[in-house]
C-alpha atoms as a PDB file:
ATOM      1  CA  MET A   1      -3.408  15.534 -21.099  1.00  0.00           C
ATOM      2  CA  SER A   2      -1.423  15.350 -24.263  1.00  0.00           C
ATOM      3  CA  ASN A   3       0.392  12.256 -25.544  1.00  0.00           C
ATOM      4  CA  LYS A   4       3.947  14.020 -25.358  1.00  0.00           C
ATOM      5  CA  ARG A   5       3.752  13.784 -21.901  1.00  0.00           C
ATOM      6  CA  GLY A   6       3.713  10.175 -21.510  1.00  0.00           C
ATOM      7  CA  ALA A   7       2.419   7.930 -19.424  1.00  0.00           C
ATOM      8  CA  ILE A   8       4.529   8.912 -16.000  1.00  0.00           C
ATOM      9  CA  PRO A   9       2.617  11.977 -15.071  1.00  0.00           C
ATOM     10  CA  LEU A  10      -0.792  10.293 -15.760  1.00  0.00           C
ATOM     11  CA  ILE A  11       0.306   7.136 -13.614  1.00  0.00           C
ATOM     12  CA  SER A  12       1.458  10.102 -10.723  1.00  0.00           C
ATOM     13  CA  ALA A  13      -2.033  11.602 -11.217  1.00  0.00           C
ATOM     14  CA  ILE A  14      -3.675   8.246 -11.010  1.00  0.00           C
ATOM     15  CA  ASN A  15      -1.160   7.694  -7.527  1.00  0.00           C
ATOM     16  CA  LYS A  16      -2.332  10.923  -6.130  1.00  0.00           C
ATOM     17  CA  GLU A  17      -6.040  10.310  -6.305  1.00  0.00           C
ATOM     18  CA  ILE A  18      -5.603   6.449  -5.053  1.00  0.00           C
ATOM     19  CA  ASN A  19      -3.398   8.187  -2.024  1.00  0.00           C
ATOM     20  CA  PHE A  20      -6.462  10.422  -1.181  1.00  0.00           C
ATOM     21  CA  LEU A  21      -8.816   7.492  -0.796  1.00  0.00           C
ATOM     22  CA  PHE A  22      -6.323   5.479   1.500  1.00  0.00           C
ATOM     23  CA  ASP A  23      -5.968   8.338   3.076  1.00  0.00           C
ATOM     24  CA  ASN A  24      -9.584   9.023   3.895  1.00  0.00           C
ATOM     25  CA  LEU A  25      -9.854   5.058   4.705  1.00  0.00           C
ATOM     26  CA  LEU A  26      -6.749   5.234   6.971  1.00  0.00           C
ATOM     27  CA  SER A  27      -7.717   8.417   9.035  1.00  0.00           C
ATOM     28  CA  GLU A  28     -10.793   6.501  10.191  1.00  0.00           C
ATOM     29  CA  LEU A  29      -8.754   3.989  11.271  1.00  0.00           C
ATOM     30  CA  GLU A  30      -6.810   6.675  12.714  1.00  0.00           C
ATOM     31  CA  ILE A  31      -3.023   5.116  11.090  1.00  0.00           C
ATOM     32  CA  THR A  32      -1.345   6.687   8.760  1.00  0.00           C
ATOM     33  CA  LYS A  33       0.131   4.736   5.000  1.00  0.00           C
ATOM     34  CA  THR A  34       3.330   3.418   6.921  1.00  0.00           C
ATOM     35  CA  GLU A  35       1.868   2.286   9.826  1.00  0.00           C
ATOM     36  CA  SER A  36      -0.813   0.309   7.499  1.00  0.00           C
ATOM     37  CA  MET A  37       2.207  -0.943   5.608  1.00  0.00           C
ATOM     38  CA  TYR A  38       4.141  -2.125   9.177  1.00  0.00           C
ATOM     39  CA  LEU A  39       0.249  -3.508  10.160  1.00  0.00           C
ATOM     40  CA  ARG A  40       0.354  -5.747   7.122  1.00  0.00           C
ATOM     41  CA  ILE A  41       4.301  -7.397   7.658  1.00  0.00           C
ATOM     42  CA  ILE A  42       3.411  -8.131  11.005  1.00  0.00           C
ATOM     43  CA  TYR A  43       0.161  -9.617  10.055  1.00  0.00           C
ATOM     44  CA  GLU A  44       1.761 -11.900   7.380  1.00  0.00           C
ATOM     45  CA  ASN A  45       4.829 -12.238   9.672  1.00  0.00           C
ATOM     46  CA  PRO A  46       3.317 -13.060  12.904  1.00  0.00           C
ATOM     47  CA  GLY A  47       6.382 -12.797  15.568  1.00  0.00           C
ATOM     48  CA  ILE A  48       8.775 -10.970  12.658  1.00  0.00           C
ATOM     49  CA  THR A  49      11.405  -8.892  14.771  1.00  0.00           C
ATOM     50  CA  GLN A  50      11.980  -5.369  14.148  1.00  0.00           C
ATOM     51  CA  TYR A  51      15.721  -6.022  13.387  1.00  0.00           C
ATOM     52  CA  ASP A  52      13.850  -8.570  10.220  1.00  0.00           C
ATOM     53  CA  ILE A  53      11.096  -5.651   9.313  1.00  0.00           C
ATOM     54  CA  ALA A  54      14.466  -2.956   8.924  1.00  0.00           C
ATOM     55  CA  LYS A  55      16.158  -5.855   6.699  1.00  0.00           C
ATOM     56  CA  LEU A  56      13.416  -6.846   4.865  1.00  0.00           C
ATOM     57  CA  LYS A  57      12.296  -3.146   3.546  1.00  0.00           C
ATOM     58  CA  HIS A  58      15.886  -1.621   3.242  1.00  0.00           C
ATOM     59  CA  LEU A  59      14.712   0.733   6.537  1.00  0.00           C
ATOM     60  CA  GLU A  60      17.060   2.299   9.417  1.00  0.00           C
ATOM     61  CA  LYS A  61      16.168   0.177  12.932  1.00  0.00           C
ATOM     62  CA  SER A  62      15.310   3.772  14.718  1.00  0.00           C
ATOM     63  CA  LEU A  63      12.659   4.522  11.890  1.00  0.00           C
ATOM     64  CA  VAL A  64      11.175   1.274  12.350  1.00  0.00           C
ATOM     65  CA  THR A  65      11.514   1.610  15.986  1.00  0.00           C
ATOM     66  CA  LYS A  66       9.539   5.123  15.890  1.00  0.00           C
ATOM     67  CA  TYR A  67       6.381   3.321  13.932  1.00  0.00           C
ATOM     68  CA  VAL A  68       6.745   0.191  15.692  1.00  0.00           C
ATOM     69  CA  THR A  69       6.011   2.467  18.771  1.00  0.00           C
ATOM     70  CA  ASN A  70       3.175   3.731  17.247  1.00  0.00           C
ATOM     71  CA  LEU A  71       1.706   0.877  16.554  1.00  0.00           C
ATOM     72  CA  GLU A  72       2.129  -0.172  20.438  1.00  0.00           C
ATOM     73  CA  ASP A  73       0.738   3.200  21.419  1.00  0.00           C
ATOM     74  CA  LYS A  74      -2.486   2.849  19.489  1.00  0.00           C
ATOM     75  CA  GLY A  75      -3.080  -0.598  20.871  1.00  0.00           C
ATOM     76  CA  LEU A  76      -2.673  -2.554  17.566  1.00  0.00           C
ATOM     77  CA  ILE A  77      -0.139  -4.691  18.232  1.00  0.00           C
ATOM     78  CA  GLU A  78       1.768  -6.093  20.864  1.00  0.00           C
ATOM     79  CA  LYS A  79       5.667  -7.532  21.670  1.00  0.00           C
ATOM     80  CA  LYS A  80       5.959 -10.912  22.763  1.00  0.00           C
ATOM     81  CA  ALA A  81       9.096 -12.364  23.627  1.00  0.00           C
ATOM     82  CA  LEU A  82      11.141 -15.190  21.544  1.00  0.00           C
ATOM     83  CA  ASP A  83      14.054 -15.310  23.543  1.00  0.00           C
ATOM     84  CA  LYS A  84      16.012 -13.877  25.962  1.00  0.00           C
ATOM     85  CA  ARG A  85      17.018 -11.047  23.633  1.00  0.00           C
ATOM     86  CA  LYS A  86      14.289 -10.908  20.652  1.00  0.00           C
ATOM     87  CA  LYS A  87      10.687  -9.784  20.988  1.00  0.00           C
ATOM     88  CA  GLY A  88       8.370 -10.509  18.264  1.00  0.00           C
ATOM     89  CA  LEU A  89       5.576  -8.604  16.751  1.00  0.00           C
ATOM     90  CA  TYR A  90       1.572  -9.694  16.845  1.00  0.00           C
ATOM     91  CA  LEU A  91      -1.215  -8.016  15.790  1.00  0.00           C
ATOM     92  CA  ILE A  92      -4.016  -7.807  18.592  1.00  0.00           C
ATOM     93  CA  GLU A  93      -7.418  -7.653  18.182  1.00  0.00           C
ATOM     94  CA  ASP A  94      -7.622  -4.060  17.310  1.00  0.00           C
ATOM     95  CA  GLY A  95      -4.806  -4.502  14.669  1.00  0.00           C
ATOM     96  CA  LYS A  96      -6.938  -7.458  13.498  1.00  0.00           C
ATOM     97  CA  LYS A  97      -9.868  -5.573  12.400  1.00  0.00           C
ATOM     98  CA  ALA A  98      -7.831  -2.475  10.669  1.00  0.00           C
ATOM     99  CA  ILE A  99      -6.163  -5.106   8.385  1.00  0.00           C
ATOM    100  CA  LYS A 100      -9.347  -6.492   8.023  1.00  0.00           C
ATOM    101  CA  PHE A 101     -11.308  -3.158   7.503  1.00  0.00           C
ATOM    102  CA  VAL A 102      -8.231  -2.245   4.694  1.00  0.00           C
ATOM    103  CA  ASP A 103      -8.589  -5.727   3.516  1.00  0.00           C
ATOM    104  CA  ASN A 104     -12.609  -5.206   2.723  1.00  0.00           C
ATOM    105  CA  PHE A 105     -12.183  -1.848   1.206  1.00  0.00           C
ATOM    106  CA  LEU A 106      -9.903  -3.012  -1.693  1.00  0.00           C
ATOM    107  CA  PRO A 107     -12.547  -5.511  -3.342  1.00  0.00           C
ATOM    108  CA  GLU A 108     -15.114  -2.584  -2.597  1.00  0.00           C
ATOM    109  CA  LEU A 109     -13.005  -0.238  -5.039  1.00  0.00           C
ATOM    110  CA  GLN A 110     -12.418  -2.714  -7.676  1.00  0.00           C
ATOM    111  CA  GLU A 111     -15.760  -3.369  -7.832  1.00  0.00           C
ATOM    112  CA  ARG A 112     -16.790  -0.145  -8.055  1.00  0.00           C
ATOM    113  CA  PHE A 113     -14.927   0.144 -10.743  1.00  0.00           C
ATOM    114  CA  LYS A 114     -15.381  -3.003 -12.706  1.00  0.00           C
ATOM    115  CA  GLY A 115     -17.411  -1.994 -15.488  1.00  0.00           C
ATOM    116  CA  LEU A 116     -14.727   0.565 -16.902  1.00  0.00           C
ATOM    117  CA  PHE A 117     -12.504  -1.657 -18.511  1.00  0.00           C
ATOM    118  CA  SER A 118     -13.430  -5.138 -20.648  1.00  0.00           C
ATOM    119  CA  GLU A 119     -11.796  -8.036 -19.359  1.00  0.00           C
ATOM    120  CA  GLU A 120      -9.359  -8.302 -22.023  1.00  0.00           C
ATOM    121  CA  GLU A 121      -8.331  -4.512 -21.337  1.00  0.00           C
ATOM    122  CA  LEU A 122      -7.770  -5.247 -17.836  1.00  0.00           C
ATOM    123  CA  VAL A 123      -5.347  -7.859 -18.330  1.00  0.00           C
ATOM    124  CA  LEU A 124      -3.391  -5.735 -20.848  1.00  0.00           C
ATOM    125  CA  LEU A 125      -3.394  -3.000 -18.275  1.00  0.00           C
ATOM    126  CA  VAL A 126      -2.430  -5.204 -15.563  1.00  0.00           C
ATOM    127  CA  SER A 127       0.234  -6.918 -17.907  1.00  0.00           C
ATOM    128  CA  LEU A 128       1.843  -3.433 -18.838  1.00  0.00           C
ATOM    129  CA  LEU A 129       1.428  -2.040 -14.878  1.00  0.00           C
ATOM    130  CA  LYS A 130       3.719  -5.032 -13.783  1.00  0.00           C
ATOM    131  CA  ARG A 131       5.941  -4.235 -16.547  1.00  0.00           C
ATOM    132  CA  LEU A 132       6.462  -0.505 -15.643  1.00  0.00           C
ATOM    133  CA  ASN A 133       6.529  -1.793 -11.677  1.00  0.00           C
ATOM    134  CA  THR A 134       9.312  -4.068 -12.577  1.00  0.00           C
ATOM    135  CA  SER A 135      11.003  -1.618 -14.754  1.00  0.00           C
ATOM    136  CA  LEU A 136      11.023   0.857 -11.900  1.00  0.00           C
ATOM    137  CA  GLU A 137      12.012  -1.513  -9.444  1.00  0.00           C
ATOM    138  CA  GLU A 138      15.367  -2.040 -11.470  1.00  0.00           C
ATOM    139  CA  PHE A 139      15.957   1.117 -12.259  1.00  0.00           C
ATOM    140  CA  ASN A 140      16.148   1.861  -8.398  1.00  0.00           C
ATOM    141  CA  GLU A 141      17.732  -1.113  -7.571  1.00  0.00           C
ATOM    142  CA  ARG A 142      15.518  -2.052  -4.852  1.00  0.00           C
ATOM    143  CA  GLY A 143      14.084  -5.684  -6.685  1.00  0.00           C
ATOM    144  CA  PHE A 144      11.648  -5.518  -3.996  1.00  0.00           C
END
């Protein structure tokens, strides 16, 4: 790859390879990347409502409903009444196992590539990637 093309095509290629790894991992759990994102939100915010997820991630409520229904049908989450009108979302046992499975995968992946960079190179790489991510978020006016 020529340096003239810049970093974005290279980052895109790296992202493609990471997505391939995650797709394979998640296929073992029979969930999609998007469903894993919802599981993570619910895990980190037990009792969150579908409305709050839509607001948090700037998503259409109907899209959130679709994915929440999928996760319910797969036996990963449940709804519990918070009051007369609101239902909170909670992981059930298989949902917790899925999160734990994904969480264990990340350190294994990092360990596999541990010797690829020196500590100084890794600190620099992470710093540069954070700066690029922030810039892209600002460019996209999302900031989340």
